[in-house]
């Protein structure tokens, strides 16, 4: 019997005039650069030359730490400083044997502001993260509030927030702004420009990441999913002029900054991502609008840096 996801993929390919392809890792159609892999797990031992992690399936991986390897846990540190028990996402080289970059206990907090509480110094934002993700609270420490306020000047109900920080036992702490806060309220997303109304072979925009996926999942959340497919009343919103697709479809994504590309399966509704009509400025300036929100593993394998939060991308079917 034909798998429904495979059937959808073939139908979308036929309608849009593109070739079908199975979702794969980012190096399936990458540049001549060395393929990237990503892995995730919990640190069991960390040293200057070796990193040992327990993977999501209970296995163990021993990774050689490259001499140039970088690490982040709230700030730049050395890989040997990562504490035992930390949850890590690792970018690897040489068929997954060498650790090139490590992000420890990193989280991304994206949503619509519901309320702001706390004293004159540390504050707490309550966020509505959409119908699929519920609510989250995020601590805004006084020491980083100035940096966050520069790019998120309006901590008021109804406005969007997008920050990167640390996942801790007590919750999440925001440390970096992941984007500039849109000037409009979350319910007032601008319409796409009229020029996007035609049948385009490629659309450019911003690709971001979210930690709402399963730990070892690869895939994308996409804003313009059919409501009948997702049952999401908040869907079908985007200022990027994206076509309607369905769960199980495959996105042909290309990181314009690195040249790496991959076919990524759509595994979740991206109704919250569709409310951000922002730009990525990591290499040049992207057109407005988020065209996909990736799992951390897919984002890293396409050459993304989790602390930067986005890359300029192109999605196409021609």
C-alpha atoms as a PDB file:
ATOM      1  CA  UNK A   1       0.000   0.000   0.000  1.00  0.00           C
ATOM      2  CA  UNK A   2       1.273   3.470  -0.843  1.00  0.00           C
ATOM      3  CA  UNK A   3       2.391   5.555   2.119  1.00  0.00           C
ATOM      4  CA  UNK A   4       0.183   8.717   2.372  1.00  0.00           C
ATOM      5  CA  UNK A   5       3.265  10.923   2.797  1.00  0.00           C
ATOM      6  CA  UNK A   6       4.845   9.421  -0.339  1.00  0.00           C
ATOM      7  CA  UNK A   7       1.619   9.954  -2.247  1.00  0.00           C
ATOM      8  CA  UNK A   8       1.425  13.600  -1.161  1.00  0.00           C
ATOM      9  CA  UNK A   9       5.042  14.120  -2.172  1.00  0.00           C
ATOM     10  CA  UNK A  10       4.407  12.753  -5.665  1.00  0.00           C
ATOM     11  CA  UNK A  11       1.230  14.814  -6.080  1.00  0.00           C
ATOM     12  CA  UNK A  12       2.988  18.038  -5.012  1.00  0.00           C
ATOM     13  CA  UNK A  13       5.864  17.206  -7.382  1.00  0.00           C
ATOM     14  CA  UNK A  14       3.447  16.652 -10.253  1.00  0.00           C
ATOM     15  CA  UNK A  15       1.517  19.876  -9.606  1.00  0.00           C
ATOM     16  CA  UNK A  16       4.635  21.999  -9.177  1.00  0.00           C
ATOM     17  CA  UNK A  17       6.641  20.357 -11.937  1.00  0.00           C
ATOM     18  CA  UNK A  18       9.536  19.173  -9.814  1.00  0.00           C
ATOM     19  CA  UNK A  19      11.263  15.849  -9.415  1.00  0.00           C
ATOM     20  CA  UNK A  20      10.472  13.752  -6.374  1.00  0.00           C
ATOM     21  CA  UNK A  21      13.187  12.898  -3.881  1.00  0.00           C
ATOM     22  CA  UNK A  22      13.428  11.207  -0.541  1.00  0.00           C
ATOM     23  CA  UNK A  23      14.240  13.445   2.434  1.00  0.00           C
ATOM     24  CA  UNK A  24      17.939  13.164   3.126  1.00  0.00           C
ATOM     25  CA  UNK A  25      20.812  14.629   5.044  1.00  0.00           C
ATOM     26  CA  UNK A  26      22.150  18.021   4.103  1.00  0.00           C
ATOM     27  CA  UNK A  27      25.159  16.731   2.203  1.00  0.00           C
ATOM     28  CA  UNK A  28      22.964  14.872  -0.308  1.00  0.00           C
ATOM     29  CA  UNK A  29      23.192  17.816  -2.688  1.00  0.00           C
ATOM     30  CA  UNK A  30      25.767  20.062  -1.104  1.00  0.00           C
ATOM     31  CA  UNK A  31      28.762  21.929  -2.449  1.00  0.00           C
ATOM     32  CA  UNK A  32      32.257  20.501  -2.631  1.00  0.00           C
ATOM     33  CA  UNK A  33      32.698  21.386   1.047  1.00  0.00           C
ATOM     34  CA  UNK A  34      33.067  18.524   3.490  1.00  0.00           C
ATOM     35  CA  UNK A  35      29.690  17.027   4.449  1.00  0.00           C
ATOM     36  CA  UNK A  36      28.289  18.040   7.821  1.00  0.00           C
ATOM     37  CA  UNK A  37      26.556  15.730  10.258  1.00  0.00           C
ATOM     38  CA  UNK A  38      24.815  16.600  13.505  1.00  0.00           C
ATOM     39  CA  UNK A  39      24.236  14.500  16.575  1.00  0.00           C
ATOM     40  CA  UNK A  40      22.639  15.107  19.936  1.00  0.00           C
ATOM     41  CA  UNK A  41      22.831  13.584  23.378  1.00  0.00           C
ATOM     42  CA  UNK A  42      23.843  14.044  26.999  1.00  0.00           C
ATOM     43  CA  UNK A  43      27.466  14.586  27.952  1.00  0.00           C
ATOM     44  CA  UNK A  44      29.077  11.777  29.935  1.00  0.00           C
ATOM     45  CA  UNK A  45      32.647  13.105  29.764  1.00  0.00           C
ATOM     46  CA  UNK A  46      34.249  16.170  28.165  1.00  0.00           C
ATOM     47  CA  UNK A  47      37.929  16.832  27.674  1.00  0.00           C
ATOM     48  CA  UNK A  48      40.156  18.858  25.375  1.00  0.00           C
ATOM     49  CA  UNK A  49      40.561  15.921  22.971  1.00  0.00           C
ATOM     50  CA  UNK A  50      37.556  13.612  23.500  1.00  0.00           C
ATOM     51  CA  UNK A  51      33.821  14.081  24.007  1.00  0.00           C
ATOM     52  CA  UNK A  52      31.657  11.162  25.160  1.00  0.00           C
ATOM     53  CA  UNK A  53      27.874  11.446  24.918  1.00  0.00           C
ATOM     54  CA  UNK A  54      24.876   9.224  25.539  1.00  0.00           C
ATOM     55  CA  UNK A  55      22.572   9.384  22.521  1.00  0.00           C
ATOM     56  CA  UNK A  56      18.775   9.505  22.517  1.00  0.00           C
ATOM     57  CA  UNK A  57      18.538   5.745  21.939  1.00  0.00           C
ATOM     58  CA  UNK A  58      20.780   4.986  24.939  1.00  0.00           C
ATOM     59  CA  UNK A  59      23.931   4.341  22.926  1.00  0.00           C
ATOM     60  CA  UNK A  60      27.328   5.908  23.423  1.00  0.00           C
ATOM     61  CA  UNK A  61      29.317   8.029  20.993  1.00  0.00           C
ATOM     62  CA  UNK A  62      32.961   8.960  21.401  1.00  0.00           C
ATOM     63  CA  UNK A  63      33.948  11.981  19.339  1.00  0.00           C
ATOM     64  CA  UNK A  64      37.404  13.367  18.737  1.00  0.00           C
ATOM     65  CA  UNK A  65      37.446  17.109  19.469  1.00  0.00           C
ATOM     66  CA  UNK A  66      38.986  19.073  16.595  1.00  0.00           C
ATOM     67  CA  UNK A  67      41.764  21.506  17.618  1.00  0.00           C
ATOM     68  CA  UNK A  68      39.660  24.391  16.273  1.00  0.00           C
ATOM     69  CA  UNK A  69      36.346  23.211  17.773  1.00  0.00           C
ATOM     70  CA  UNK A  70      34.091  25.820  19.360  1.00  0.00           C
ATOM     71  CA  UNK A  71      31.544  25.450  22.154  1.00  0.00           C
ATOM     72  CA  UNK A  72      28.721  27.576  23.584  1.00  0.00           C
ATOM     73  CA  UNK A  73      26.836  27.345  26.847  1.00  0.00           C
ATOM     74  CA  UNK A  74      25.427  30.773  27.507  1.00  0.00           C
ATOM     75  CA  UNK A  75      28.753  32.187  26.273  1.00  0.00           C
ATOM     76  CA  UNK A  76      31.717  30.914  24.315  1.00  0.00           C
ATOM     77  CA  UNK A  77      33.623  28.229  26.222  1.00  0.00           C
ATOM     78  CA  UNK A  78      36.030  25.432  25.378  1.00  0.00           C
ATOM     79  CA  UNK A  79      34.614  21.937  24.754  1.00  0.00           C
ATOM     80  CA  UNK A  80      36.418  20.707  27.891  1.00  0.00           C
ATOM     81  CA  UNK A  81      34.352  23.159  30.001  1.00  0.00           C
ATOM     82  CA  UNK A  82      31.013  21.573  29.074  1.00  0.00           C
ATOM     83  CA  UNK A  83      29.578  20.052  32.284  1.00  0.00           C
ATOM     84  CA  UNK A  84      28.641  16.407  32.602  1.00  0.00           C
ATOM     85  CA  UNK A  85      24.887  16.023  32.101  1.00  0.00           C
ATOM     86  CA  UNK A  86      24.579  18.899  29.655  1.00  0.00           C
ATOM     87  CA  UNK A  87      22.326  18.338  26.655  1.00  0.00           C
ATOM     88  CA  UNK A  88      24.377  19.003  23.519  1.00  0.00           C
ATOM     89  CA  UNK A  89      23.963  19.391  19.785  1.00  0.00           C
ATOM     90  CA  UNK A  90      27.210  18.684  17.959  1.00  0.00           C
ATOM     91  CA  UNK A  91      28.269  19.541  14.424  1.00  0.00           C
ATOM     92  CA  UNK A  92      30.614  16.836  13.191  1.00  0.00           C
ATOM     93  CA  UNK A  93      33.000  16.152  10.314  1.00  0.00           C
ATOM     94  CA  UNK A  94      34.634  13.047   8.875  1.00  0.00           C
ATOM     95  CA  UNK A  95      31.486  10.897   8.828  1.00  0.00           C
ATOM     96  CA  UNK A  96      30.438  11.999  12.291  1.00  0.00           C
ATOM     97  CA  UNK A  97      33.667  11.118  14.077  1.00  0.00           C
ATOM     98  CA  UNK A  98      35.103  14.599  14.754  1.00  0.00           C
ATOM     99  CA  UNK A  99      33.354  17.320  16.798  1.00  0.00           C
ATOM    100  CA  UNK A 100      33.612  20.671  15.029  1.00  0.00           C
ATOM    101  CA  UNK A 101      31.162  22.790  17.092  1.00  0.00           C
ATOM    102  CA  UNK A 102      29.104  22.116  20.223  1.00  0.00           C
ATOM    103  CA  UNK A 103      26.049  23.897  21.611  1.00  0.00           C
ATOM    104  CA  UNK A 104      25.192  22.907  25.195  1.00  0.00           C
ATOM    105  CA  UNK A 105      21.769  23.342  26.853  1.00  0.00           C
ATOM    106  CA  UNK A 106      20.739  25.775  24.130  1.00  0.00           C
ATOM    107  CA  UNK A 107      17.085  26.699  23.716  1.00  0.00           C
ATOM    108  CA  UNK A 108      15.035  29.015  21.557  1.00  0.00           C
ATOM    109  CA  UNK A 109      12.012  30.757  23.007  1.00  0.00           C
ATOM    110  CA  UNK A 110       9.607  31.975  20.320  1.00  0.00           C
ATOM    111  CA  UNK A 111       6.068  33.176  20.852  1.00  0.00           C
ATOM    112  CA  UNK A 112       3.564  35.938  21.414  1.00  0.00           C
ATOM    113  CA  UNK A 113       3.936  37.911  24.647  1.00  0.00           C
ATOM    114  CA  UNK A 114       1.089  37.284  27.077  1.00  0.00           C
ATOM    115  CA  UNK A 115       2.401  39.131  30.126  1.00  0.00           C
ATOM    116  CA  UNK A 116       5.482  40.628  31.761  1.00  0.00           C
ATOM    117  CA  UNK A 117       6.162  40.249  35.467  1.00  0.00           C
ATOM    118  CA  UNK A 118       9.007  40.555  37.953  1.00  0.00           C
ATOM    119  CA  UNK A 119      10.870  43.285  39.743  1.00  0.00           C
ATOM    120  CA  UNK A 120      12.856  46.252  38.484  1.00  0.00           C
ATOM    121  CA  UNK A 121      15.799  44.002  37.582  1.00  0.00           C
ATOM    122  CA  UNK A 122      15.120  40.409  36.474  1.00  0.00           C
ATOM    123  CA  UNK A 123      11.818  39.998  34.618  1.00  0.00           C
ATOM    124  CA  UNK A 124       9.733  37.083  33.364  1.00  0.00           C
ATOM    125  CA  UNK A 125       7.903  36.927  30.051  1.00  0.00           C
ATOM    126  CA  UNK A 126       4.944  34.601  29.651  1.00  0.00           C
ATOM    127  CA  UNK A 127       4.644  33.532  26.009  1.00  0.00           C
ATOM    128  CA  UNK A 128       1.976  31.871  23.924  1.00  0.00           C
ATOM    129  CA  UNK A 129       4.033  29.633  21.635  1.00  0.00           C
ATOM    130  CA  UNK A 130       1.140  28.665  19.399  1.00  0.00           C
ATOM    131  CA  UNK A 131      -1.571  25.988  19.448  1.00  0.00           C
ATOM    132  CA  UNK A 132       0.949  23.147  18.979  1.00  0.00           C
ATOM    133  CA  UNK A 133       3.464  24.220  21.641  1.00  0.00           C
ATOM    134  CA  UNK A 134       1.474  25.773  24.479  1.00  0.00           C
ATOM    135  CA  UNK A 135       2.874  28.401  26.839  1.00  0.00           C
ATOM    136  CA  UNK A 136       6.377  29.003  28.130  1.00  0.00           C
ATOM    137  CA  UNK A 137       7.913  31.327  30.687  1.00  0.00           C
ATOM    138  CA  UNK A 138      11.288  32.896  30.023  1.00  0.00           C
ATOM    139  CA  UNK A 139      13.537  34.736  32.464  1.00  0.00           C
ATOM    140  CA  UNK A 140      15.083  38.002  31.238  1.00  0.00           C
ATOM    141  CA  UNK A 141      18.135  38.638  33.470  1.00  0.00           C
ATOM    142  CA  UNK A 142      18.905  42.284  34.138  1.00  0.00           C
ATOM    143  CA  UNK A 143      22.474  41.885  32.840  1.00  0.00           C
ATOM    144  CA  UNK A 144      21.245  41.090  29.302  1.00  0.00           C
ATOM    145  CA  UNK A 145      18.033  43.113  29.279  1.00  0.00           C
ATOM    146  CA  UNK A 146      19.696  46.040  27.493  1.00  0.00           C
ATOM    147  CA  UNK A 147      20.914  43.819  24.657  1.00  0.00           C
ATOM    148  CA  UNK A 148      17.488  42.237  24.290  1.00  0.00           C
ATOM    149  CA  UNK A 149      15.636  45.555  24.476  1.00  0.00           C
ATOM    150  CA  UNK A 150      17.679  47.008  21.622  1.00  0.00           C
ATOM    151  CA  UNK A 151      16.111  44.467  19.257  1.00  0.00           C
ATOM    152  CA  UNK A 152      12.911  43.777  21.232  1.00  0.00           C
ATOM    153  CA  UNK A 153      11.813  47.224  22.456  1.00  0.00           C
ATOM    154  CA  UNK A 154       8.157  46.302  23.112  1.00  0.00           C
ATOM    155  CA  UNK A 155       7.575  43.858  25.963  1.00  0.00           C
ATOM    156  CA  UNK A 156       3.793  44.175  25.725  1.00  0.00           C
ATOM    157  CA  UNK A 157       1.010  41.618  25.264  1.00  0.00           C
ATOM    158  CA  UNK A 158       0.299  40.821  21.630  1.00  0.00           C
ATOM    159  CA  UNK A 159       3.812  41.438  20.324  1.00  0.00           C
ATOM    160  CA  UNK A 160       6.204  38.724  19.170  1.00  0.00           C
ATOM    161  CA  UNK A 161       9.346  37.603  20.975  1.00  0.00           C
ATOM    162  CA  UNK A 162      12.180  35.418  19.705  1.00  0.00           C
ATOM    163  CA  UNK A 163      15.218  34.772  21.901  1.00  0.00           C
ATOM    164  CA  UNK A 164      18.043  32.271  22.292  1.00  0.00           C
ATOM    165  CA  UNK A 165      19.284  31.179  25.684  1.00  0.00           C
ATOM    166  CA  UNK A 166      19.869  28.378  28.147  1.00  0.00           C
ATOM    167  CA  UNK A 167      17.506  25.575  29.073  1.00  0.00           C
ATOM    168  CA  UNK A 168      17.825  25.046  32.829  1.00  0.00           C
ATOM    169  CA  UNK A 169      15.982  23.006  35.447  1.00  0.00           C
ATOM    170  CA  UNK A 170      13.988  26.039  36.509  1.00  0.00           C
ATOM    171  CA  UNK A 171      12.954  26.866  32.924  1.00  0.00           C
ATOM    172  CA  UNK A 172      14.494  28.965  30.169  1.00  0.00           C
ATOM    173  CA  UNK A 173      16.736  32.016  30.394  1.00  0.00           C
ATOM    174  CA  UNK A 174      16.955  34.347  27.371  1.00  0.00           C
ATOM    175  CA  UNK A 175      20.436  35.663  26.612  1.00  0.00           C
ATOM    176  CA  UNK A 176      20.451  36.688  22.941  1.00  0.00           C
ATOM    177  CA  UNK A 177      17.842  38.201  20.616  1.00  0.00           C
ATOM    178  CA  UNK A 178      17.258  35.773  17.752  1.00  0.00           C
ATOM    179  CA  UNK A 179      15.776  38.471  15.531  1.00  0.00           C
ATOM    180  CA  UNK A 180      14.590  42.060  15.567  1.00  0.00           C
ATOM    181  CA  UNK A 181      11.083  42.254  16.972  1.00  0.00           C
ATOM    182  CA  UNK A 182       8.448  42.913  14.290  1.00  0.00           C
ATOM    183  CA  UNK A 183       6.825  46.315  14.744  1.00  0.00           C
ATOM    184  CA  UNK A 184       3.316  44.908  14.302  1.00  0.00           C
ATOM    185  CA  UNK A 185       1.238  42.760  16.628  1.00  0.00           C
ATOM    186  CA  UNK A 186       1.210  39.003  16.054  1.00  0.00           C
ATOM    187  CA  UNK A 187      -2.336  39.149  14.694  1.00  0.00           C
ATOM    188  CA  UNK A 188      -1.459  41.795  12.088  1.00  0.00           C
ATOM    189  CA  UNK A 189       0.960  40.001   9.743  1.00  0.00           C
ATOM    190  CA  UNK A 190       1.517  41.987   6.515  1.00  0.00           C
ATOM    191  CA  UNK A 191       0.186  40.475   3.328  1.00  0.00           C
ATOM    192  CA  UNK A 192       2.727  39.215   0.769  1.00  0.00           C
ATOM    193  CA  UNK A 193       3.666  41.644  -2.024  1.00  0.00           C
ATOM    194  CA  UNK A 194       1.535  41.330  -5.181  1.00  0.00           C
ATOM    195  CA  UNK A 195       4.609  40.214  -7.128  1.00  0.00           C
ATOM    196  CA  UNK A 196       4.500  36.939  -5.229  1.00  0.00           C
ATOM    197  CA  UNK A 197       1.132  36.024  -6.672  1.00  0.00           C
ATOM    198  CA  UNK A 198       2.518  34.253  -9.738  1.00  0.00           C
ATOM    199  CA  UNK A 199       3.838  30.753 -10.162  1.00  0.00           C
ATOM    200  CA  UNK A 200       7.426  31.128  -9.040  1.00  0.00           C
ATOM    201  CA  UNK A 201       9.988  28.369  -9.393  1.00  0.00           C
ATOM    202  CA  UNK A 202      11.905  29.560  -6.317  1.00  0.00           C
ATOM    203  CA  UNK A 203      11.156  31.641  -3.242  1.00  0.00           C
ATOM    204  CA  UNK A 204      13.781  33.190  -0.973  1.00  0.00           C
ATOM    205  CA  UNK A 205      13.497  34.135   2.669  1.00  0.00           C
ATOM    206  CA  UNK A 206      14.614  33.234   6.171  1.00  0.00           C
ATOM    207  CA  UNK A 207      15.074  29.778   7.669  1.00  0.00           C
ATOM    208  CA  UNK A 208      15.192  29.494  11.474  1.00  0.00           C
ATOM    209  CA  UNK A 209      15.228  26.641  13.997  1.00  0.00           C
ATOM    210  CA  UNK A 210      13.186  25.527  16.979  1.00  0.00           C
ATOM    211  CA  UNK A 211      13.798  23.100  19.845  1.00  0.00           C
ATOM    212  CA  UNK A 212      10.166  21.962  19.817  1.00  0.00           C
ATOM    213  CA  UNK A 213      11.011  18.939  17.642  1.00  0.00           C
ATOM    214  CA  UNK A 214      11.870  15.538  19.071  1.00  0.00           C
ATOM    215  CA  UNK A 215      15.477  15.321  20.257  1.00  0.00           C
ATOM    216  CA  UNK A 216      16.842  13.338  17.309  1.00  0.00           C
ATOM    217  CA  UNK A 217      14.300  14.475  14.691  1.00  0.00           C
ATOM    218  CA  UNK A 218      15.134  15.879  11.280  1.00  0.00           C
ATOM    219  CA  UNK A 219      12.517  17.939   9.486  1.00  0.00           C
ATOM    220  CA  UNK A 220      10.780  21.269   9.069  1.00  0.00           C
ATOM    221  CA  UNK A 221       7.749  23.186  10.261  1.00  0.00           C
ATOM    222  CA  UNK A 222       6.115  25.003   7.348  1.00  0.00           C
ATOM    223  CA  UNK A 223       3.723  27.990   7.609  1.00  0.00           C
ATOM    224  CA  UNK A 224       1.398  27.382   4.651  1.00  0.00           C
ATOM    225  CA  UNK A 225       0.007  23.946   5.457  1.00  0.00           C
ATOM    226  CA  UNK A 226      -3.532  23.057   4.512  1.00  0.00           C
ATOM    227  CA  UNK A 227      -5.800  23.537   7.525  1.00  0.00           C
ATOM    228  CA  UNK A 228      -7.624  20.332   6.649  1.00  0.00           C
ATOM    229  CA  UNK A 229      -4.293  18.517   7.051  1.00  0.00           C
ATOM    230  CA  UNK A 230      -3.291  20.038  10.392  1.00  0.00           C
ATOM    231  CA  UNK A 231      -6.536  21.124  12.024  1.00  0.00           C
ATOM    232  CA  UNK A 232      -4.818  24.412  12.862  1.00  0.00           C
ATOM    233  CA  UNK A 233      -6.992  27.523  12.779  1.00  0.00           C
ATOM    234  CA  UNK A 234      -3.861  29.704  13.085  1.00  0.00           C
ATOM    235  CA  UNK A 235      -2.252  28.327   9.926  1.00  0.00           C
ATOM    236  CA  UNK A 236      -2.118  29.578   6.350  1.00  0.00           C
ATOM    237  CA  UNK A 237      -0.399  32.853   7.318  1.00  0.00           C
ATOM    238  CA  UNK A 238       2.821  34.108   5.684  1.00  0.00           C
ATOM    239  CA  UNK A 239       4.156  37.291   4.150  1.00  0.00           C
ATOM    240  CA  UNK A 240       6.613  35.288   2.010  1.00  0.00           C
ATOM    241  CA  UNK A 241       4.093  34.248  -0.639  1.00  0.00           C
ATOM    242  CA  UNK A 242       4.560  30.524  -0.033  1.00  0.00           C
ATOM    243  CA  UNK A 243       2.477  27.891  -1.837  1.00  0.00           C
ATOM    244  CA  UNK A 244       0.137  25.605   0.058  1.00  0.00           C
ATOM    245  CA  UNK A 245       1.660  22.238   0.936  1.00  0.00           C
ATOM    246  CA  UNK A 246       0.743  19.313   3.174  1.00  0.00           C
ATOM    247  CA  UNK A 247       2.362  17.323   5.947  1.00  0.00           C
ATOM    248  CA  UNK A 248       4.714  14.806   4.381  1.00  0.00           C
ATOM    249  CA  UNK A 249       5.716  17.085   1.518  1.00  0.00           C
ATOM    250  CA  UNK A 250       9.427  17.630   0.906  1.00  0.00           C
ATOM    251  CA  UNK A 251      11.126  21.024   0.809  1.00  0.00           C
ATOM    252  CA  UNK A 252      14.183  21.474  -1.385  1.00  0.00           C
ATOM    253  CA  UNK A 253      16.114  23.970   0.768  1.00  0.00           C
ATOM    254  CA  UNK A 254      19.355  25.716  -0.105  1.00  0.00           C
ATOM    255  CA  UNK A 255      21.413  27.718   2.391  1.00  0.00           C
ATOM    256  CA  UNK A 256      22.420  30.736   0.316  1.00  0.00           C
ATOM    257  CA  UNK A 257      25.215  31.572   2.767  1.00  0.00           C
ATOM    258  CA  UNK A 258      27.025  28.211   2.556  1.00  0.00           C
ATOM    259  CA  UNK A 259      25.721  26.678  -0.661  1.00  0.00           C
ATOM    260  CA  UNK A 260      24.606  23.554   1.187  1.00  0.00           C
ATOM    261  CA  UNK A 261      21.241  22.083   0.239  1.00  0.00           C
ATOM    262  CA  UNK A 262      18.947  19.252   1.260  1.00  0.00           C
ATOM    263  CA  UNK A 263      15.493  17.833   0.791  1.00  0.00           C
ATOM    264  CA  UNK A 264      13.784  18.167   4.176  1.00  0.00           C
ATOM    265  CA  UNK A 265      10.442  16.581   5.121  1.00  0.00           C
ATOM    266  CA  UNK A 266       7.644  18.769   6.475  1.00  0.00           C
ATOM    267  CA  UNK A 267       6.776  17.184   9.816  1.00  0.00           C
ATOM    268  CA  UNK A 268       5.004  19.985  11.703  1.00  0.00           C
ATOM    269  CA  UNK A 269       2.793  23.042  11.349  1.00  0.00           C
ATOM    270  CA  UNK A 270       4.723  26.322  11.258  1.00  0.00           C
ATOM    271  CA  UNK A 271       1.851  28.674  12.052  1.00  0.00           C
ATOM    272  CA  UNK A 272       3.951  30.652  14.552  1.00  0.00           C
ATOM    273  CA  UNK A 273       6.901  31.012  12.154  1.00  0.00           C
ATOM    274  CA  UNK A 274       4.518  32.427   9.559  1.00  0.00           C
ATOM    275  CA  UNK A 275       3.758  35.402  11.813  1.00  0.00           C
ATOM    276  CA  UNK A 276       7.343  36.675  11.598  1.00  0.00           C
ATOM    277  CA  UNK A 277       7.763  38.931   8.584  1.00  0.00           C
ATOM    278  CA  UNK A 278      11.426  39.541   9.385  1.00  0.00           C
ATOM    279  CA  UNK A 279      14.745  39.279   7.548  1.00  0.00           C
ATOM    280  CA  UNK A 280      17.957  37.341   8.100  1.00  0.00           C
ATOM    281  CA  UNK A 281      21.165  39.342   7.667  1.00  0.00           C
ATOM    282  CA  UNK A 282      23.766  36.598   8.103  1.00  0.00           C
ATOM    283  CA  UNK A 283      25.055  36.989   4.527  1.00  0.00           C
ATOM    284  CA  UNK A 284      23.432  39.878   2.776  1.00  0.00           C
ATOM    285  CA  UNK A 285      19.786  40.551   3.574  1.00  0.00           C
ATOM    286  CA  UNK A 286      17.053  38.036   2.863  1.00  0.00           C
ATOM    287  CA  UNK A 287      13.594  38.943   1.591  1.00  0.00           C
ATOM    288  CA  UNK A 288      10.998  39.253   4.348  1.00  0.00           C
ATOM    289  CA  UNK A 289       9.307  36.175   5.730  1.00  0.00           C
ATOM    290  CA  UNK A 290      10.205  32.822   7.268  1.00  0.00           C
ATOM    291  CA  UNK A 291       9.919  30.032   4.748  1.00  0.00           C
ATOM    292  CA  UNK A 292      10.685  27.194   7.169  1.00  0.00           C
ATOM    293  CA  UNK A 293      11.550  26.449  10.770  1.00  0.00           C
ATOM    294  CA  UNK A 294      13.956  23.498  11.059  1.00  0.00           C
ATOM    295  CA  UNK A 295      14.781  21.027  13.770  1.00  0.00           C
ATOM    296  CA  UNK A 296      18.208  21.773  15.305  1.00  0.00           C
ATOM    297  CA  UNK A 297      19.810  18.759  13.572  1.00  0.00           C
ATOM    298  CA  UNK A 298      18.538  19.763  10.127  1.00  0.00           C
ATOM    299  CA  UNK A 299      19.526  23.398  10.716  1.00  0.00           C
ATOM    300  CA  UNK A 300      23.091  22.457  11.697  1.00  0.00           C
ATOM    301  CA  UNK A 301      23.511  19.996   8.820  1.00  0.00           C
ATOM    302  CA  UNK A 302      22.564  22.756   6.398  1.00  0.00           C
ATOM    303  CA  UNK A 303      25.399  24.868   7.774  1.00  0.00           C
ATOM    304  CA  UNK A 304      23.455  26.954  10.292  1.00  0.00           C
ATOM    305  CA  UNK A 305      24.860  28.315  13.557  1.00  0.00           C
ATOM    306  CA  UNK A 306      22.329  27.870  16.370  1.00  0.00           C
ATOM    307  CA  UNK A 307      23.409  31.035  18.212  1.00  0.00           C
ATOM    308  CA  UNK A 308      22.937  33.162  15.086  1.00  0.00           C
ATOM    309  CA  UNK A 309      19.452  31.761  14.721  1.00  0.00           C
ATOM    310  CA  UNK A 310      18.853  31.977  10.963  1.00  0.00           C
ATOM    311  CA  UNK A 311      20.293  31.758   7.485  1.00  0.00           C
ATOM    312  CA  UNK A 312      19.227  33.160   4.147  1.00  0.00           C
ATOM    313  CA  UNK A 313      17.610  30.406   2.149  1.00  0.00           C
ATOM    314  CA  UNK A 314      15.886  29.512  -1.056  1.00  0.00           C
ATOM    315  CA  UNK A 315      13.182  26.907  -1.436  1.00  0.00           C
ATOM    316  CA  UNK A 316      12.482  25.660  -4.940  1.00  0.00           C
ATOM    317  CA  UNK A 317      11.022  22.962  -7.088  1.00  0.00           C
ATOM    318  CA  UNK A 318      12.533  23.776 -10.447  1.00  0.00           C
END
